[in-house]
Amino acid sequence: GISVHYFAFPRAGADSDVGKNMQSIWSVADRKAAFDNAYKGNSI
């Protein structure tokens, strides 16, 4: 019964490579699909 609302916090900073990749995730129409894809280790 716990809903999870995710927010980006790239540990190396918003301008890091991870930060830029997370910006890509948040910029697409289907964010959840891109988010799941990233956590599976697939390319972004």
All heavy atoms as atom14 arrays in JSON, in Angstrom:
{
  "sequence": "GISVHYFAFPRAGADSDVGKNMQSIWSVADRKAAFDNAYKGNSI",
  "atom14_mask": [
    [1, 1, 1, 1, 0, 0, 0, 0, 0, 0, 0, 0, 0, 0],
    [1, 1, 1, 1, 1, 1, 1, 1, 0, 0, 0, 0, 0, 0],
    [1, 1, 1, 1, 1, 1, 0, 0, 0, 0, 0, 0, 0, 0],
    [1, 1, 1, 1, 1, 1, 1, 0, 0, 0, 0, 0, 0, 0],
    [1, 1, 1, 1, 1, 1, 1, 1, 1, 1, 0, 0, 0, 0],
    [1, 1, 1, 1, 1, 1, 1, 1, 1, 1, 1, 1, 0, 0],
    [1, 1, 1, 1, 1, 1, 1, 1, 1, 1, 1, 0, 0, 0],
    [1, 1, 1, 1, 1, 0, 0, 0, 0, 0, 0, 0, 0, 0],
    [1, 1, 1, 1, 1, 1, 1, 1, 1, 1, 1, 0, 0, 0],
    [1, 1, 1, 1, 1, 1, 1, 0, 0, 0, 0, 0, 0, 0],
    [1, 1, 1, 1, 1, 1, 1, 1, 1, 1, 1, 0, 0, 0],
    [1, 1, 1, 1, 1, 0, 0, 0, 0, 0, 0, 0, 0, 0],
    [1, 1, 1, 1, 0, 0, 0, 0, 0, 0, 0, 0, 0, 0],
    [1, 1, 1, 1, 1, 0, 0, 0, 0, 0, 0, 0, 0, 0],
    [1, 1, 1, 1, 1, 1, 1, 1, 0, 0, 0, 0, 0, 0],
    [1, 1, 1, 1, 1, 1, 0, 0, 0, 0, 0, 0, 0, 0],
    [1, 1, 1, 1, 1, 1, 1, 1, 0, 0, 0, 0, 0, 0],
    [1, 1, 1, 1, 1, 1, 1, 0, 0, 0, 0, 0, 0, 0],
    [1, 1, 1, 1, 0, 0, 0, 0, 0, 0, 0, 0, 0, 0],
    [1, 1, 1, 1, 1, 1, 1, 1, 1, 0, 0, 0, 0, 0],
    [1, 1, 1, 1, 1, 1, 1, 1, 0, 0, 0, 0, 0, 0],
    [1, 1, 1, 1, 1, 1, 1, 1, 0, 0, 0, 0, 0, 0],
    [1, 1, 1, 1, 1, 1, 1, 1, 1, 0, 0, 0, 0, 0],
    [1, 1, 1, 1, 1, 1, 0, 0, 0, 0, 0, 0, 0, 0],
    [1, 1, 1, 1, 1, 1, 1, 1, 0, 0, 0, 0, 0, 0],
    [1, 1, 1, 1, 1, 1, 1, 1, 1, 1, 1, 1, 1, 1],
    [1, 1, 1, 1, 1, 1, 0, 0, 0, 0, 0, 0, 0, 0],
    [1, 1, 1, 1, 1, 1, 1, 0, 0, 0, 0, 0, 0, 0],
    [1, 1, 1, 1, 1, 0, 0, 0, 0, 0, 0, 0, 0, 0],
    [1, 1, 1, 1, 1, 1, 1, 1, 0, 0, 0, 0, 0, 0],
    [1, 1, 1, 1, 1, 1, 1, 1, 1, 1, 1, 0, 0, 0],
    [1, 1, 1, 1, 1, 1, 1, 1, 1, 0, 0, 0, 0, 0],
    [1, 1, 1, 1, 1, 0, 0, 0, 0, 0, 0, 0, 0, 0],
    [1, 1, 1, 1, 1, 0, 0, 0, 0, 0, 0, 0, 0, 0],
    [1, 1, 1, 1, 1, 1, 1, 1, 1, 1, 1, 0, 0, 0],
    [1, 1, 1, 1, 1, 1, 1, 1, 0, 0, 0, 0, 0, 0],
    [1, 1, 1, 1, 1, 1, 1, 1, 0, 0, 0, 0, 0, 0],
    [1, 1, 1, 1, 1, 0, 0, 0, 0, 0, 0, 0, 0, 0],
    [1, 1, 1, 1, 1, 1, 1, 1, 1, 1, 1, 1, 0, 0],
    [1, 1, 1, 1, 1, 1, 1, 1, 1, 0, 0, 0, 0, 0],
    [1, 1, 1, 1, 0, 0, 0, 0, 0, 0, 0, 0, 0, 0],
    [1, 1, 1, 1, 1, 1, 1, 1, 0, 0, 0, 0, 0, 0],
    [1, 1, 1, 1, 1, 1, 0, 0, 0, 0, 0, 0, 0, 0],
    [1, 1, 1, 1, 1, 1, 1, 1, 0, 0, 0, 0, 0, 0]
  ],
  "atom14_positions": [
    [[0.8, -1.23, 0.0], [0.0, 0.0, 0.0], [0.82, 1.27, 0.0], [0.3, 2.35, 0.26], [0.0, 0.0, 0.0], [0.0, 0.0, 0.0], [0.0, 0.0, 0.0], [0.0, 0.0, 0.0], [0.0, 0.0, 0.0], [0.0, 0.0, 0.0], [0.0, 0.0, 0.0], [0.0, 0.0, 0.0], [0.0, 0.0, 0.0], [0.0, 0.0, 0.0]],
    [[2.12, 1.14, -0.3], [3.02, 2.3, -0.31], [3.28, 2.73, -1.74], [3.92, 2.0, -2.51], [4.35, 1.98, 0.39], [4.13, 1.47, 1.8], [5.25, 3.22, 0.4], [5.39, 0.91, 2.46], [0.0, 0.0, 0.0], [0.0, 0.0, 0.0], [0.0, 0.0, 0.0], [0.0, 0.0, 0.0], [0.0, 0.0, 0.0], [0.0, 0.0, 0.0]],
    [[2.78, 3.88, -2.12], [3.1, 4.45, -3.44], [4.46, 5.13, -3.36], [4.79, 5.77, -2.35], [2.04, 5.46, -3.88], [0.82, 4.82, -4.15], [0.0, 0.0, 0.0], [0.0, 0.0, 0.0], [0.0, 0.0, 0.0], [0.0, 0.0, 0.0], [0.0, 0.0, 0.0], [0.0, 0.0, 0.0], [0.0, 0.0, 0.0], [0.0, 0.0, 0.0]],
    [[5.24, 5.0, -4.43], [6.58, 5.56, -4.45], [6.66, 6.65, -5.51], [6.37, 6.4, -6.69], [7.64, 4.47, -4.74], [9.03, 5.09, -4.81], [7.59, 3.39, -3.67], [0.0, 0.0, 0.0], [0.0, 0.0, 0.0], [0.0, 0.0, 0.0], [0.0, 0.0, 0.0], [0.0, 0.0, 0.0], [0.0, 0.0, 0.0], [0.0, 0.0, 0.0]],
    [[7.04, 7.86, -5.09], [7.25, 8.98, -6.0], [8.75, 9.23, -6.09], [9.39, 9.6, -5.1], [6.54, 10.24, -5.49], [5.04, 10.16, -5.56], [4.23, 11.27, -5.58], [4.2, 9.08, -5.63], [2.97, 10.89, -5.66], [2.93, 9.57, -5.68], [0.0, 0.0, 0.0], [0.0, 0.0, 0.0], [0.0, 0.0, 0.0], [0.0, 0.0, 0.0]],
    [[9.31, 9.01, -7.27], [10.76, 9.13, -7.44], [11.17, 10.53, -7.88], [10.52, 11.16, -8.73], [11.23, 8.14, -8.51], [11.46, 6.72, -8.03], [10.71, 5.67, -8.52], [12.46, 6.44, -7.1], [10.93, 4.36, -8.11], [12.69, 5.13, -6.68], [11.92, 4.1, -7.19], [12.15, 2.81, -6.77], [0.0, 0.0, 0.0], [0.0, 0.0, 0.0]],
    [[12.32, 10.97, -7.35], [12.95, 12.22, -7.75], [14.44, 11.97, -7.99], [15.03, 11.09, -7.36], [12.76, 13.3, -6.68], [11.32, 13.64, -6.45], [10.58, 12.97, -5.47], [10.67, 14.6, -7.22], [9.25, 13.25, -5.27], [9.33, 14.88, -7.02], [8.61, 14.21, -6.04], [0.0, 0.0, 0.0], [0.0, 0.0, 0.0], [0.0, 0.0, 0.0]],
    [[15.02, 12.75, -8.88], [16.41, 12.55, -9.25], [17.37, 13.21, -8.26], [17.18, 14.37, -7.89], [16.66, 13.11, -10.65], [0.0, 0.0, 0.0], [0.0, 0.0, 0.0], [0.0, 0.0, 0.0], [0.0, 0.0, 0.0], [0.0, 0.0, 0.0], [0.0, 0.0, 0.0], [0.0, 0.0, 0.0], [0.0, 0.0, 0.0], [0.0, 0.0, 0.0]],
    [[18.37, 12.44, -7.86], [19.44, 13.0, -7.03], [20.76, 12.33, -7.44], [21.25, 11.43, -6.76], [19.19, 12.79, -5.54], [20.11, 13.62, -4.68], [19.8, 14.94, -4.38], [21.29, 13.1, -4.19], [20.65, 15.71, -3.6], [22.15, 13.86, -3.42], [21.83, 15.17, -3.11], [0.0, 0.0, 0.0], [0.0, 0.0, 0.0], [0.0, 0.0, 0.0]],
    [[21.31, 12.74, -8.62], [22.6, 12.18, -9.05], [23.69, 12.58, -8.06], [23.92, 13.78, -7.84], [22.81, 12.82, -10.42], [21.97, 14.07, -10.41], [20.8, 13.76, -9.55], [0.0, 0.0, 0.0], [0.0, 0.0, 0.0], [0.0, 0.0, 0.0], [0.0, 0.0, 0.0], [0.0, 0.0, 0.0], [0.0, 0.0, 0.0], [0.0, 0.0, 0.0]],
    [[24.32, 11.61, -7.46], [25.26, 11.89, -6.37], [26.45, 12.74, -6.8], [27.02, 13.48, -6.01], [25.74, 10.57, -5.75], [24.65, 9.8, -5.03], [25.09, 8.4, -4.68], [25.34, 7.61, -5.89], [25.94, 6.41, -5.89], [26.32, 5.89, -4.74], [26.12, 5.76, -7.01], [0.0, 0.0, 0.0], [0.0, 0.0, 0.0], [0.0, 0.0, 0.0]],
    [[26.82, 12.64, -8.08], [27.96, 13.42, -8.58], [27.55, 14.81, -9.03], [28.39, 15.59, -9.48], [28.62, 12.67, -9.74], [0.0, 0.0, 0.0], [0.0, 0.0, 0.0], [0.0, 0.0, 0.0], [0.0, 0.0, 0.0], [0.0, 0.0, 0.0], [0.0, 0.0, 0.0], [0.0, 0.0, 0.0], [0.0, 0.0, 0.0], [0.0, 0.0, 0.0]],
    [[26.28, 15.14, -8.89], [25.8, 16.47, -9.25], [24.93, 16.46, -10.49], [24.98, 15.55, -11.31], [0.0, 0.0, 0.0], [0.0, 0.0, 0.0], [0.0, 0.0, 0.0], [0.0, 0.0, 0.0], [0.0, 0.0, 0.0], [0.0, 0.0, 0.0], [0.0, 0.0, 0.0], [0.0, 0.0, 0.0], [0.0, 0.0, 0.0], [0.0, 0.0, 0.0]],
    [[24.13, 17.51, -10.61], [23.19, 17.6, -11.73], [23.87, 17.7, -13.08], [23.31, 17.31, -14.11], [22.27, 18.81, -11.52], [0.0, 0.0, 0.0], [0.0, 0.0, 0.0], [0.0, 0.0, 0.0], [0.0, 0.0, 0.0], [0.0, 0.0, 0.0], [0.0, 0.0, 0.0], [0.0, 0.0, 0.0], [0.0, 0.0, 0.0], [0.0, 0.0, 0.0]],
    [[25.1, 18.24, -13.11], [25.83, 18.41, -14.37], [26.73, 17.23, -14.71], [27.44, 17.27, -15.71], [26.66, 19.7, -14.32], [25.8, 20.95, -14.24], [24.7, 20.93, -14.84], [26.21, 21.92, -13.59], [0.0, 0.0, 0.0], [0.0, 0.0, 0.0], [0.0, 0.0, 0.0], [0.0, 0.0, 0.0], [0.0, 0.0, 0.0], [0.0, 0.0, 0.0]],
    [[26.71, 16.19, -13.88], [27.54, 15.01, -14.13], [26.92, 14.18, -15.26], [25.8, 14.44, -15.72], [27.62, 14.16, -12.86], [26.32, 13.64, -12.53], [0.0, 0.0, 0.0], [0.0, 0.0, 0.0], [0.0, 0.0, 0.0], [0.0, 0.0, 0.0], [0.0, 0.0, 0.0], [0.0, 0.0, 0.0], [0.0, 0.0, 0.0], [0.0, 0.0, 0.0]],
    [[27.65, 13.17, -15.71], [27.12, 12.29, -16.75], [25.83, 11.61, -16.29], [24.87, 11.48, -17.05], [28.16, 11.23, -17.14], [29.32, 11.82, -17.94], [29.16, 12.94, -18.49], [30.38, 11.17, -18.02], [0.0, 0.0, 0.0], [0.0, 0.0, 0.0], [0.0, 0.0, 0.0], [0.0, 0.0, 0.0], [0.0, 0.0, 0.0], [0.0, 0.0, 0.0]],
    [[25.84, 11.17, -15.03], [24.63, 10.54, -14.48], [23.49, 11.56, -14.44], [22.34, 11.25, -14.77], [24.9, 9.97, -13.07], [23.6, 9.49, -12.42], [25.89, 8.82, -13.14], [0.0, 0.0, 0.0], [0.0, 0.0, 0.0], [0.0, 0.0, 0.0], [0.0, 0.0, 0.0], [0.0, 0.0, 0.0], [0.0, 0.0, 0.0], [0.0, 0.0, 0.0]],
    [[23.8, 12.79, -14.05], [22.8, 13.83, -14.02], [22.2, 14.09, -15.39], [20.98, 14.25, -15.54], [0.0, 0.0, 0.0], [0.0, 0.0, 0.0], [0.0, 0.0, 0.0], [0.0, 0.0, 0.0], [0.0, 0.0, 0.0], [0.0, 0.0, 0.0], [0.0, 0.0, 0.0], [0.0, 0.0, 0.0], [0.0, 0.0, 0.0], [0.0, 0.0, 0.0]],
    [[23.06, 14.11, -16.4], [22.58, 14.33, -17.77], [21.71, 13.16, -18.24], [20.71, 13.35, -18.94], [23.77, 14.53, -18.7], [24.51, 15.85, -18.44], [25.78, 15.95, -19.26], [26.54, 17.24, -18.94], [27.84, 17.32, -19.64], [0.0, 0.0, 0.0], [0.0, 0.0, 0.0], [0.0, 0.0, 0.0], [0.0, 0.0, 0.0], [0.0, 0.0, 0.0]],
    [[22.11, 11.95, -17.86], [21.29, 10.79, -18.22], [19.93, 10.82, -17.52], [18.91, 10.45, -18.1], [22.03, 9.5, -17.86], [23.12, 9.15, -18.85], [23.08, 9.58, -20.0], [24.1, 8.37, -18.41], [0.0, 0.0, 0.0], [0.0, 0.0, 0.0], [0.0, 0.0, 0.0], [0.0, 0.0, 0.0], [0.0, 0.0, 0.0], [0.0, 0.0, 0.0]],
    [[19.94, 11.27, -16.28], [18.66, 11.35, -15.55], [17.78, 12.46, -16.14], [16.56, 12.33, -16.19], [18.91, 11.56, -14.05], [19.64, 10.39, -13.41], [19.65, 10.41, -11.6], [18.09, 9.6, -11.24], [0.0, 0.0, 0.0], [0.0, 0.0, 0.0], [0.0, 0.0, 0.0], [0.0, 0.0, 0.0], [0.0, 0.0, 0.0], [0.0, 0.0, 0.0]],
    [[18.39, 13.52, -16.63], [17.64, 14.56, -17.32], [16.99, 13.98, -18.58], [15.85, 14.31, -18.91], [18.55, 15.73, -17.69], [17.89, 16.83, -18.52], [16.81, 17.6, -17.77], [16.76, 17.6, -16.55], [15.92, 18.26, -18.52], [0.0, 0.0, 0.0], [0.0, 0.0, 0.0], [0.0, 0.0, 0.0], [0.0, 0.0, 0.0], [0.0, 0.0, 0.0]],
    [[17.7, 13.08, -19.25], [17.14, 12.4, -20.43], [15.92, 11.58, -20.04], [14.9, 11.57, -20.75], [18.19, 11.5, -21.08], [19.25, 12.26, -21.65], [0.0, 0.0, 0.0], [0.0, 0.0, 0.0], [0.0, 0.0, 0.0], [0.0, 0.0, 0.0], [0.0, 0.0, 0.0], [0.0, 0.0, 0.0], [0.0, 0.0, 0.0], [0.0, 0.0, 0.0]],
    [[16.02, 10.88, -18.91], [14.9, 10.05, -18.44], [13.67, 10.92, -18.2], [12.55, 10.59, -18.6], [15.28, 9.3, -17.15], [16.36, 8.25, -17.45], [14.05, 8.65, -16.51], [16.97, 7.63, -16.21], [0.0, 0.0, 0.0], [0.0, 0.0, 0.0], [0.0, 0.0, 0.0], [0.0, 0.0, 0.0], [0.0, 0.0, 0.0], [0.0, 0.0, 0.0]],
    [[13.88, 12.05, -17.54], [12.76, 12.93, -17.2], [12.23, 13.72, -18.4], [11.17, 14.31, -18.33], [13.16, 13.88, -16.07], [12.62, 13.48, -14.74], [11.5, 13.96, -14.13], [13.15, 12.51, -13.84], [11.3, 13.35, -12.91], [12.31, 12.46, -12.7], [14.27, 11.67, -13.87], [12.53, 11.61, -11.62], [14.51, 10.84, -12.79], [13.64, 10.8, -11.69]],
    [[12.98, 13.71, -19.51], [12.6, 14.51, -20.67], [11.76, 13.77, -21.7], [11.2, 14.39, -22.61], [13.87, 15.06, -21.37], [14.6, 15.92, -20.51], [0.0, 0.0, 0.0], [0.0, 0.0, 0.0], [0.0, 0.0, 0.0], [0.0, 0.0, 0.0], [0.0, 0.0, 0.0], [0.0, 0.0, 0.0], [0.0, 0.0, 0.0], [0.0, 0.0, 0.0]],
    [[11.66, 12.44, -21.57], [10.91, 11.67, -22.57], [9.45, 11.54, -22.17], [9.08, 11.76, -21.01], [11.54, 10.26, -22.78], [12.97, 10.4, -23.3], [11.51, 9.46, -21.49], [0.0, 0.0, 0.0], [0.0, 0.0, 0.0], [0.0, 0.0, 0.0], [0.0, 0.0, 0.0], [0.0, 0.0, 0.0], [0.0, 0.0, 0.0], [0.0, 0.0, 0.0]],
    [[8.63, 11.16, -23.13], [7.19, 11.05, -22.88], [6.88, 9.94, -21.89], [6.06, 10.1, -20.98], [6.46, 10.81, -24.2], [0.0, 0.0, 0.0], [0.0, 0.0, 0.0], [0.0, 0.0, 0.0], [0.0, 0.0, 0.0], [0.0, 0.0, 0.0], [0.0, 0.0, 0.0], [0.0, 0.0, 0.0], [0.0, 0.0, 0.0], [0.0, 0.0, 0.0]],
    [[7.53, 8.79, -22.06], [7.29, 7.65, -21.17], [8.44, 7.55, -20.16], [9.38, 6.77, -20.34], [7.17, 6.35, -21.97], [6.62, 5.19, -21.13], [6.6, 5.31, -19.9], [6.22, 4.17, -21.73], [0.0, 0.0, 0.0], [0.0, 0.0, 0.0], [0.0, 0.0, 0.0], [0.0, 0.0, 0.0], [0.0, 0.0, 0.0], [0.0, 0.0, 0.0]],
    [[8.34, 8.34, -19.13], [9.42, 8.39, -18.13], [9.6, 7.06, -17.4], [10.72, 6.64, -17.13], [9.12, 9.49, -17.1], [9.18, 10.9, -17.64], [8.76, 11.89, -16.56], [8.82, 13.26, -17.03], [8.38, 14.3, -16.32], [7.85, 14.1, -15.12], [8.47, 15.52, -16.81], [0.0, 0.0, 0.0], [0.0, 0.0, 0.0], [0.0, 0.0, 0.0]],
    [[8.49, 6.42, -17.08], [8.58, 5.16, -16.32], [9.34, 4.1, -17.09], [10.17, 3.37, -16.52], [7.19, 4.66, -15.94], [6.58, 5.4, -14.77], [5.19, 4.88, -14.42], [5.25, 3.59, -13.67], [3.93, 3.18, -13.14], [0.0, 0.0, 0.0], [0.0, 0.0, 0.0], [0.0, 0.0, 0.0], [0.0, 0.0, 0.0], [0.0, 0.0, 0.0]],
    [[9.08, 4.01, -18.39], [9.78, 3.02, -19.21], [11.27, 3.32, -19.25], [12.11, 2.42, -19.13], [9.2, 3.0, -20.63], [0.0, 0.0, 0.0], [0.0, 0.0, 0.0], [0.0, 0.0, 0.0], [0.0, 0.0, 0.0], [0.0, 0.0, 0.0], [0.0, 0.0, 0.0], [0.0, 0.0, 0.0], [0.0, 0.0, 0.0], [0.0, 0.0, 0.0]],
    [[11.62, 4.6, -19.4], [13.02, 5.01, -19.44], [13.69, 4.78, -18.08], [14.85, 4.37, -17.99], [13.13, 6.47, -19.85], [0.0, 0.0, 0.0], [0.0, 0.0, 0.0], [0.0, 0.0, 0.0], [0.0, 0.0, 0.0], [0.0, 0.0, 0.0], [0.0, 0.0, 0.0], [0.0, 0.0, 0.0], [0.0, 0.0, 0.0], [0.0, 0.0, 0.0]],
    [[12.93, 5.03, -17.02], [13.43, 4.84, -15.65], [13.72, 3.37, -15.39], [14.8, 3.0, -14.91], [12.37, 5.38, -14.69], [12.8, 5.48, -13.25], [13.48, 6.6, -12.8], [12.51, 4.48, -12.34], [13.87, 6.71, -11.47], [12.88, 4.58, -11.01], [13.56, 5.7, -10.57], [0.0, 0.0, 0.0], [0.0, 0.0, 0.0], [0.0, 0.0, 0.0]],
    [[12.75, 2.52, -15.71], [12.93, 1.07, -15.54], [14.11, 0.57, -16.36], [14.89, -0.27, -15.89], [11.66, 0.32, -15.96], [10.51, 0.52, -14.99], [10.76, 0.83, -13.82], [9.35, 0.37, -15.43], [0.0, 0.0, 0.0], [0.0, 0.0, 0.0], [0.0, 0.0, 0.0], [0.0, 0.0, 0.0], [0.0, 0.0, 0.0], [0.0, 0.0, 0.0]],
    [[14.23, 1.08, -17.55], [15.31, 0.69, -18.46], [16.67, 1.0, -17.85], [17.61, 0.19, -17.9], [15.15, 1.41, -19.8], [16.06, 0.86, -20.87], [16.07, -0.34, -21.13], [16.83, 1.72, -21.5], [0.0, 0.0, 0.0], [0.0, 0.0, 0.0], [0.0, 0.0, 0.0], [0.0, 0.0, 0.0], [0.0, 0.0, 0.0], [0.0, 0.0, 0.0]],
    [[16.79, 2.18, -17.25], [18.06, 2.6, -16.64], [18.42, 1.69, -15.46], [19.59, 1.32, -15.28], [17.96, 4.05, -16.17], [0.0, 0.0, 0.0], [0.0, 0.0, 0.0], [0.0, 0.0, 0.0], [0.0, 0.0, 0.0], [0.0, 0.0, 0.0], [0.0, 0.0, 0.0], [0.0, 0.0, 0.0], [0.0, 0.0, 0.0], [0.0, 0.0, 0.0]],
    [[17.43, 1.31, -14.67], [17.7, 0.47, -13.5], [18.0, -0.98, -13.86], [18.52, -1.73, -13.04], [16.54, 0.57, -12.5], [16.67, 1.8, -11.63], [16.25, 3.03, -12.09], [17.28, 1.74, -10.39], [16.41, 4.17, -11.33], [17.45, 2.87, -9.61], [17.01, 4.08, -10.08], [17.18, 5.21, -9.33], [0.0, 0.0, 0.0], [0.0, 0.0, 0.0]],
    [[17.71, -1.33, -15.1], [18.08, -2.66, -15.59], [19.49, -2.66, -16.17], [20.0, -3.7, -16.6], [17.09, -3.12, -16.66], [15.71, -3.44, -16.11], [14.73, -3.75, -17.24], [13.33, -4.02, -16.69], [12.35, -4.23, -17.78], [0.0, 0.0, 0.0], [0.0, 0.0, 0.0], [0.0, 0.0, 0.0], [0.0, 0.0, 0.0], [0.0, 0.0, 0.0]],
    [[20.11, -1.48, -16.18], [21.48, -1.37, -16.69], [21.58, -1.16, -18.18], [22.68, -1.25, -18.75], [0.0, 0.0, 0.0], [0.0, 0.0, 0.0], [0.0, 0.0, 0.0], [0.0, 0.0, 0.0], [0.0, 0.0, 0.0], [0.0, 0.0, 0.0], [0.0, 0.0, 0.0], [0.0, 0.0, 0.0], [0.0, 0.0, 0.0], [0.0, 0.0, 0.0]],
    [[20.46, -0.88, -18.82], [20.46, -0.65, -20.26], [20.89, 0.78, -20.59], [20.88, 1.66, -19.73], [19.08, -0.93, -20.85], [18.65, -2.37, -20.65], [19.49, -3.27, -20.67], [17.37, -2.61, -20.45], [0.0, 0.0, 0.0], [0.0, 0.0, 0.0], [0.0, 0.0, 0.0], [0.0, 0.0, 0.0], [0.0, 0.0, 0.0], [0.0, 0.0, 0.0]],
    [[21.25, 0.99, -21.84], [21.69, 2.32, -22.26], [20.52, 3.3, -22.24], [19.35, 2.91, -22.38], [22.29, 2.27, -23.66], [21.34, 1.79, -24.6], [0.0, 0.0, 0.0], [0.0, 0.0, 0.0], [0.0, 0.0, 0.0], [0.0, 0.0, 0.0], [0.0, 0.0, 0.0], [0.0, 0.0, 0.0], [0.0, 0.0, 0.0], [0.0, 0.0, 0.0]],
    [[20.85, 4.57, -22.04], [19.84, 5.61, -21.94], [19.92, 6.5, -23.18], [20.98, 7.05, -23.5], [20.05, 6.46, -20.67], [19.94, 5.56, -19.43], [19.06, 7.61, -20.59], [20.4, 6.21, -18.15], [0.0, 0.0, 0.0], [0.0, 0.0, 0.0], [0.0, 0.0, 0.0], [0.0, 0.0, 0.0], [0.0, 0.0, 0.0], [0.0, 0.0, 0.0]]
  ]
}
